[in-house]
Amino acid sequence: LAEENKDAGWLIMNGNRIQIKRRQFEKVIDKLDAI
């Protein structure tokens, strides 16, 4: 999911690692119909 949405507001690039802003990501998940 992170690979497909590299410009998303819920992602942080920390060196080589992709980290997720949990609260913002939870809001995105809540809006999705299917996971």
PDB file of N, CA and C in Angstrom:
ATOM      1  N   LEU A   1       0.836  -1.198   0.000  1.00  0.00           N
ATOM      2  CA  LEU A   1       0.000   0.000   0.000  1.00  0.00           C
ATOM      3  C   LEU A   1       0.874   1.252   0.000  1.00  0.00           C
ATOM      4  N   ALA A   2       1.929   1.219   0.779  1.00  0.00           N
ATOM      5  CA  ALA A   2       2.843   2.363   0.828  1.00  0.00           C
ATOM      6  C   ALA A   2       3.568   2.549  -0.499  1.00  0.00           C
ATOM      7  N   GLU A   3       3.924   1.456  -1.145  1.00  0.00           N
ATOM      8  CA  GLU A   3       4.623   1.537  -2.440  1.00  0.00           C
ATOM      9  C   GLU A   3       3.745   2.203  -3.499  1.00  0.00           C
ATOM     10  N   GLU A   4       2.432   1.991  -3.432  1.00  0.00           N
ATOM     11  CA  GLU A   4       1.508   2.545  -4.416  1.00  0.00           C
ATOM     12  C   GLU A   4       1.168   4.006  -4.142  1.00  0.00           C
ATOM     13  N   ASN A   5       1.372   4.466  -2.903  1.00  0.00           N
ATOM     14  CA  ASN A   5       0.970   5.821  -2.495  1.00  0.00           C
ATOM     15  C   ASN A   5       2.147   6.579  -1.891  1.00  0.00           C
ATOM     16  N   LYS A   6       3.220   6.695  -2.643  1.00  0.00           N
ATOM     17  CA  LYS A   6       4.440   7.303  -2.103  1.00  0.00           C
ATOM     18  C   LYS A   6       4.277   8.767  -1.719  1.00  0.00           C
ATOM     19  N   ASP A   7       3.318   9.471  -2.312  1.00  0.00           N
ATOM     20  CA  ASP A   7       3.115  10.884  -2.001  1.00  0.00           C
ATOM     21  C   ASP A   7       2.006  11.106  -0.978  1.00  0.00           C
ATOM     22  N   ALA A   8       1.540  10.052  -0.345  1.00  0.00           N
ATOM     23  CA  ALA A   8       0.439  10.165   0.607  1.00  0.00           C
ATOM     24  C   ALA A   8       0.878  10.939   1.851  1.00  0.00           C
ATOM     25  N   GLY A   9      -0.059  11.636   2.464  1.00  0.00           N
ATOM     26  CA  GLY A   9       0.240  12.417   3.657  1.00  0.00           C
ATOM     27  C   GLY A   9       0.483  11.578   4.893  1.00  0.00           C
ATOM     28  N   TRP A  10       0.180  10.289   4.818  1.00  0.00           N
ATOM     29  CA  TRP A  10       0.357   9.428   5.984  1.00  0.00           C
ATOM     30  C   TRP A  10       1.668   8.661   5.959  1.00  0.00           C
ATOM     31  N   LEU A  11       2.552   8.991   5.022  1.00  0.00           N
ATOM     32  CA  LEU A  11       3.853   8.325   4.932  1.00  0.00           C
ATOM     33  C   LEU A  11       4.991   9.273   5.277  1.00  0.00           C
ATOM     34  N   ILE A  12       6.010   8.731   5.928  1.00  0.00           N
ATOM     35  CA  ILE A  12       7.243   9.465   6.203  1.00  0.00           C
ATOM     36  C   ILE A  12       8.392   8.593   5.738  1.00  0.00           C
ATOM     37  N   MET A  13       9.297   9.172   4.964  1.00  0.00           N
ATOM     38  CA  MET A  13      10.514   8.447   4.588  1.00  0.00           C
ATOM     39  C   MET A  13      11.590   8.786   5.614  1.00  0.00           C
ATOM     40  N   ASN A  14      12.093   7.772   6.314  1.00  0.00           N
ATOM     41  CA  ASN A  14      13.138   7.940   7.315  1.00  0.00           C
ATOM     42  C   ASN A  14      14.343   7.147   6.825  1.00  0.00           C
ATOM     43  N   GLY A  15      15.212   7.801   6.070  1.00  0.00           N
ATOM     44  CA  GLY A  15      16.319   7.087   5.440  1.00  0.00           C
ATOM     45  C   GLY A  15      15.763   6.148   4.392  1.00  0.00           C
ATOM     46  N   ASN A  16      16.038   4.865   4.523  1.00  0.00           N
ATOM     47  CA  ASN A  16      15.519   3.857   3.596  1.00  0.00           C
ATOM     48  C   ASN A  16      14.184   3.294   4.051  1.00  0.00           C
ATOM     49  N   ARG A  17      13.753   3.646   5.240  1.00  0.00           N
ATOM     50  CA  ARG A  17      12.542   3.055   5.804  1.00  0.00           C
ATOM     51  C   ARG A  17      11.322   3.921   5.526  1.00  0.00           C
ATOM     52  N   ILE A  18      10.225   3.263   5.264  1.00  0.00           N
ATOM     53  CA  ILE A  18       8.943   3.950   5.123  1.00  0.00           C
ATOM     54  C   ILE A  18       8.221   3.800   6.453  1.00  0.00           C
ATOM     55  N   GLN A  19       7.838   4.922   7.043  1.00  0.00           N
ATOM     56  CA  GLN A  19       7.087   4.876   8.286  1.00  0.00           C
ATOM     57  C   GLN A  19       5.708   5.473   8.046  1.00  0.00           C
ATOM     58  N   ILE A  20       4.746   5.031   8.846  1.00  0.00           N
ATOM     59  CA  ILE A  20       3.351   5.419   8.654  1.00  0.00           C
ATOM     60  C   ILE A  20       2.888   6.270   9.830  1.00  0.00           C
ATOM     61  N   LYS A  21       2.224   7.392   9.509  1.00  0.00           N
ATOM     62  CA  LYS A  21       1.578   8.190  10.544  1.00  0.00           C
ATOM     63  C   LYS A  21       0.272   7.483  10.878  1.00  0.00           C
ATOM     64  N   ARG A  22       0.225   6.859  12.034  1.00  0.00           N
ATOM     65  CA  ARG A  22      -0.858   5.943  12.366  1.00  0.00           C
ATOM     66  C   ARG A  22      -2.246   6.591  12.335  1.00  0.00           C
ATOM     67  N   ARG A  23      -2.398   7.726  12.961  1.00  0.00           N
ATOM     68  CA  ARG A  23      -3.742   8.331  13.024  1.00  0.00           C
ATOM     69  C   ARG A  23      -4.246   8.730  11.652  1.00  0.00           C
ATOM     70  N   GLN A  24      -3.366   9.297  10.824  1.00  0.00           N
ATOM     71  CA  GLN A  24      -3.785   9.672   9.470  1.00  0.00           C
ATOM     72  C   GLN A  24      -4.081   8.431   8.645  1.00  0.00           C
ATOM     73  N   PHE A  25      -3.290   7.368   8.834  1.00  0.00           N
ATOM     74  CA  PHE A  25      -3.513   6.127   8.099  1.00  0.00           C
ATOM     75  C   PHE A  25      -4.836   5.491   8.509  1.00  0.00           C
ATOM     76  N   GLU A  26      -5.174   5.550   9.803  1.00  0.00           N
ATOM     77  CA  GLU A  26      -6.446   5.001  10.270  1.00  0.00           C
ATOM     78  C   GLU A  26      -7.623   5.718   9.614  1.00  0.00           C
ATOM     79  N   LYS A  27      -7.502   7.024   9.405  1.00  0.00           N
ATOM     80  CA  LYS A  27      -8.569   7.768   8.728  1.00  0.00           C
ATOM     81  C   LYS A  27      -8.727   7.303   7.286  1.00  0.00           C
ATOM     82  N   VAL A  28      -7.614   7.013   6.614  1.00  0.00           N
ATOM     83  CA  VAL A  28      -7.656   6.507   5.238  1.00  0.00           C
ATOM     84  C   VAL A  28      -8.332   5.142   5.213  1.00  0.00           C
ATOM     85  N   ILE A  29      -7.959   4.268   6.145  1.00  0.00           N
ATOM     86  CA  ILE A  29      -8.541   2.921   6.215  1.00  0.00           C
ATOM     87  C   ILE A  29     -10.050   3.004   6.463  1.00  0.00           C
ATOM     88  N   ASP A  30     -10.462   3.928   7.335  1.00  0.00           N
ATOM     89  CA  ASP A  30     -11.890   4.084   7.621  1.00  0.00           C
ATOM     90  C   ASP A  30     -12.683   4.478   6.379  1.00  0.00           C
ATOM     91  N   LYS A  31     -12.066   5.209   5.458  1.00  0.00           N
ATOM     92  CA  LYS A  31     -12.754   5.653   4.246  1.00  0.00           C
ATOM     93  C   LYS A  31     -12.822   4.571   3.174  1.00  0.00           C
ATOM     94  N   LEU A  32     -11.968   3.560   3.274  1.00  0.00           N
ATOM     95  CA  LEU A  32     -11.956   2.497   2.269  1.00  0.00           C
ATOM     96  C   LEU A  32     -13.140   1.559   2.461  1.00  0.00           C
ATOM     97  N   ASP A  33     -13.668   1.052   1.365  1.00  0.00           N
ATOM     98  CA  ASP A  33     -14.765   0.090   1.438  1.00  0.00           C
ATOM     99  C   ASP A  33     -14.254  -1.321   1.667  1.00  0.00           C
ATOM    100  N   ALA A  34     -13.106  -1.647   1.069  1.00  0.00           N
ATOM    101  CA  ALA A  34     -12.545  -2.994   1.196  1.00  0.00           C
ATOM    102  C   ALA A  34     -11.044  -2.891   1.399  1.00  0.00           C
ATOM    103  N   ILE A  35     -10.531  -3.809   2.187  1.00  0.00           N
ATOM    104  CA  ILE A  35      -9.087  -3.831   2.450  1.00  0.00           C
ATOM    105  C   ILE A  35      -8.493  -5.031   1.752  1.00  0.00           C
TER     106      ILE A  35
END
